[in-house]
Amino acid sequence: MLGGISIWQLLIVLGIIILIFGTKKLRNVGGDLGGAVKGFKKAMNEDEKGNDKSTDDPQARVSHDDEGTTYDVKAERKAEEQDERK
């Protein structure tokens, strides 16, 4: 059973954990974990519903036809720094 761990060993470990952390803290951790799982499931369901509306997705309407119009901020900063040094 469970790789050689008996039920009594699991109960002893659980008792030690309760003594170290306390029941209130463990209850809070359990509630936080449950909330995180619910939020994850909700996000996954919304994502699946969102895949059906691919035409309404803002990223679906973006076109990358203007490849020559890039803006390099680092190059502009370097040019400004060189102008200030002169």
C-alpha atoms as a PDB file:
ATOM      1  CA  MET A   1       0.000   0.000   0.000  1.00  0.00           C
ATOM      2  CA  LEU A   2       1.439   3.367  -1.095  1.00  0.00           C
ATOM      3  CA  GLY A   3       4.997   2.104  -1.479  1.00  0.00           C
ATOM      4  CA  GLY A   4       5.312   0.479   1.954  1.00  0.00           C
ATOM      5  CA  ILE A   5       3.729   3.309   3.990  1.00  0.00           C
ATOM      6  CA  SER A   6       1.016   2.078   6.320  1.00  0.00           C
ATOM      7  CA  ILE A   7      -2.052   4.001   7.449  1.00  0.00           C
ATOM      8  CA  TRP A   8      -0.579   4.345  10.945  1.00  0.00           C
ATOM      9  CA  GLN A   9       2.542   6.034   9.606  1.00  0.00           C
ATOM     10  CA  LEU A  10       0.386   8.464   7.624  1.00  0.00           C
ATOM     11  CA  LEU A  11      -1.656   9.268  10.740  1.00  0.00           C
ATOM     12  CA  ILE A  12       1.502   9.927  12.760  1.00  0.00           C
ATOM     13  CA  VAL A  13       2.819  12.287  10.057  1.00  0.00           C
ATOM     14  CA  LEU A  14      -0.548  14.061   9.923  1.00  0.00           C
ATOM     15  CA  GLY A  15      -0.518  14.444  13.726  1.00  0.00           C
ATOM     16  CA  ILE A  16       2.973  15.965  13.639  1.00  0.00           C
ATOM     17  CA  ILE A  17       1.931  18.392  10.905  1.00  0.00           C
ATOM     18  CA  ILE A  18      -1.116  19.457  12.934  1.00  0.00           C
ATOM     19  CA  LEU A  19       1.078  19.996  16.003  1.00  0.00           C
ATOM     20  CA  ILE A  20       3.561  22.106  14.043  1.00  0.00           C
ATOM     21  CA  PHE A  21       1.202  24.281  12.022  1.00  0.00           C
ATOM     22  CA  GLY A  22      -2.062  24.144  13.954  1.00  0.00           C
ATOM     23  CA  THR A  23      -5.526  23.447  12.630  1.00  0.00           C
ATOM     24  CA  LYS A  24      -6.379  27.091  11.889  1.00  0.00           C
ATOM     25  CA  LYS A  25      -3.403  27.568   9.580  1.00  0.00           C
ATOM     26  CA  LEU A  26      -4.081  24.238   7.847  1.00  0.00           C
ATOM     27  CA  ARG A  27      -7.730  25.232   7.348  1.00  0.00           C
ATOM     28  CA  ASN A  28      -6.607  28.517   5.768  1.00  0.00           C
ATOM     29  CA  VAL A  29      -4.168  26.703   3.485  1.00  0.00           C
ATOM     30  CA  GLY A  30      -6.907  24.267   2.458  1.00  0.00           C
ATOM     31  CA  GLY A  31      -9.308  27.116   1.715  1.00  0.00           C
ATOM     32  CA  ASP A  32      -6.691  28.952  -0.330  1.00  0.00           C
ATOM     33  CA  LEU A  33      -5.860  25.813  -2.267  1.00  0.00           C
ATOM     34  CA  GLY A  34      -9.555  25.142  -2.957  1.00  0.00           C
ATOM     35  CA  GLY A  35     -10.043  28.732  -4.152  1.00  0.00           C
ATOM     36  CA  ALA A  36      -7.057  28.432  -6.456  1.00  0.00           C
ATOM     37  CA  VAL A  37      -8.399  25.214  -7.984  1.00  0.00           C
ATOM     38  CA  LYS A  38     -11.837  26.806  -8.510  1.00  0.00           C
ATOM     39  CA  GLY A  39     -10.244  29.836 -10.153  1.00  0.00           C
ATOM     40  CA  PHE A  40      -8.157  27.604 -12.409  1.00  0.00           C
ATOM     41  CA  LYS A  41     -11.208  25.604 -13.491  1.00  0.00           C
ATOM     42  CA  LYS A  42     -13.150  28.803 -14.163  1.00  0.00           C
ATOM     43  CA  ALA A  43     -10.315  30.203 -16.268  1.00  0.00           C
ATOM     44  CA  MET A  44     -10.077  26.967 -18.248  1.00  0.00           C
ATOM     45  CA  ASN A  45     -13.835  27.010 -18.953  1.00  0.00           C
ATOM     46  CA  GLU A  46     -13.676  30.655 -20.047  1.00  0.00           C
ATOM     47  CA  ASP A  47     -10.723  29.849 -22.300  1.00  0.00           C
ATOM     48  CA  GLU A  48     -12.618  27.012 -23.969  1.00  0.00           C
ATOM     49  CA  LYS A  49     -15.595  29.306 -24.529  1.00  0.00           C
ATOM     50  CA  GLY A  50     -13.248  31.998 -25.843  1.00  0.00           C
ATOM     51  CA  ASN A  51     -11.826  29.666 -28.485  1.00  0.00           C
ATOM     52  CA  ASP A  52     -15.252  29.539 -30.141  1.00  0.00           C
ATOM     53  CA  LYS A  53     -15.216  33.315 -30.578  1.00  0.00           C
ATOM     54  CA  SER A  54     -11.918  33.509 -32.468  1.00  0.00           C
ATOM     55  CA  THR A  55     -13.240  36.216 -34.809  1.00  0.00           C
ATOM     56  CA  ASP A  56     -13.912  38.529 -31.848  1.00  0.00           C
ATOM     57  CA  ASP A  57     -10.376  38.107 -30.501  1.00  0.00           C
ATOM     58  CA  PRO A  58      -8.457  41.406 -30.838  1.00  0.00           C
ATOM     59  CA  GLN A  59      -5.291  39.549 -31.720  1.00  0.00           C
ATOM     60  CA  ALA A  60      -7.046  37.888 -34.633  1.00  0.00           C
ATOM     61  CA  ARG A  61      -7.515  41.293 -36.269  1.00  0.00           C
ATOM     62  CA  VAL A  62      -3.885  42.396 -35.993  1.00  0.00           C
ATOM     63  CA  SER A  63      -2.039  42.386 -39.279  1.00  0.00           C
ATOM     64  CA  HIS A  64       1.717  42.469 -39.589  1.00  0.00           C
ATOM     65  CA  ASP A  65       1.908  43.888 -43.083  1.00  0.00           C
ATOM     66  CA  ASP A  66       4.005  46.904 -42.041  1.00  0.00           C
ATOM     67  CA  GLU A  67       7.231  45.062 -41.291  1.00  0.00           C
ATOM     68  CA  GLY A  68       9.409  48.099 -42.004  1.00  0.00           C
ATOM     69  CA  THR A  69       7.947  50.269 -39.263  1.00  0.00           C
ATOM     70  CA  THR A  70       9.714  49.152 -36.118  1.00  0.00           C
ATOM     71  CA  TYR A  71      10.699  51.402 -33.256  1.00  0.00           C
ATOM     72  CA  ASP A  72      13.925  50.810 -31.351  1.00  0.00           C
ATOM     73  CA  VAL A  73      13.861  52.603 -28.008  1.00  0.00           C
ATOM     74  CA  LYS A  74      17.416  51.617 -27.094  1.00  0.00           C
ATOM     75  CA  ALA A  75      18.790  53.110 -30.296  1.00  0.00           C
ATOM     76  CA  GLU A  76      16.924  56.352 -29.638  1.00  0.00           C
ATOM     77  CA  ARG A  77      18.267  56.552 -26.085  1.00  0.00           C
ATOM     78  CA  LYS A  78      21.809  55.968 -27.308  1.00  0.00           C
ATOM     79  CA  ALA A  79      21.399  58.763 -29.838  1.00  0.00           C
ATOM     80  CA  GLU A  80      20.100  61.113 -27.135  1.00  0.00           C
ATOM     81  CA  GLU A  81      23.011  60.233 -24.842  1.00  0.00           C
ATOM     82  CA  GLN A  82      25.509  60.919 -27.613  1.00  0.00           C
ATOM     83  CA  ASP A  83      23.847  64.297 -28.308  1.00  0.00           C
ATOM     84  CA  GLU A  84      24.067  65.203 -24.611  1.00  0.00           C
ATOM     85  CA  ARG A  85      27.783  64.356 -24.494  1.00  0.00           C
ATOM     86  CA  LYS A  86      28.574  66.709 -27.383  1.00  0.00           C
END
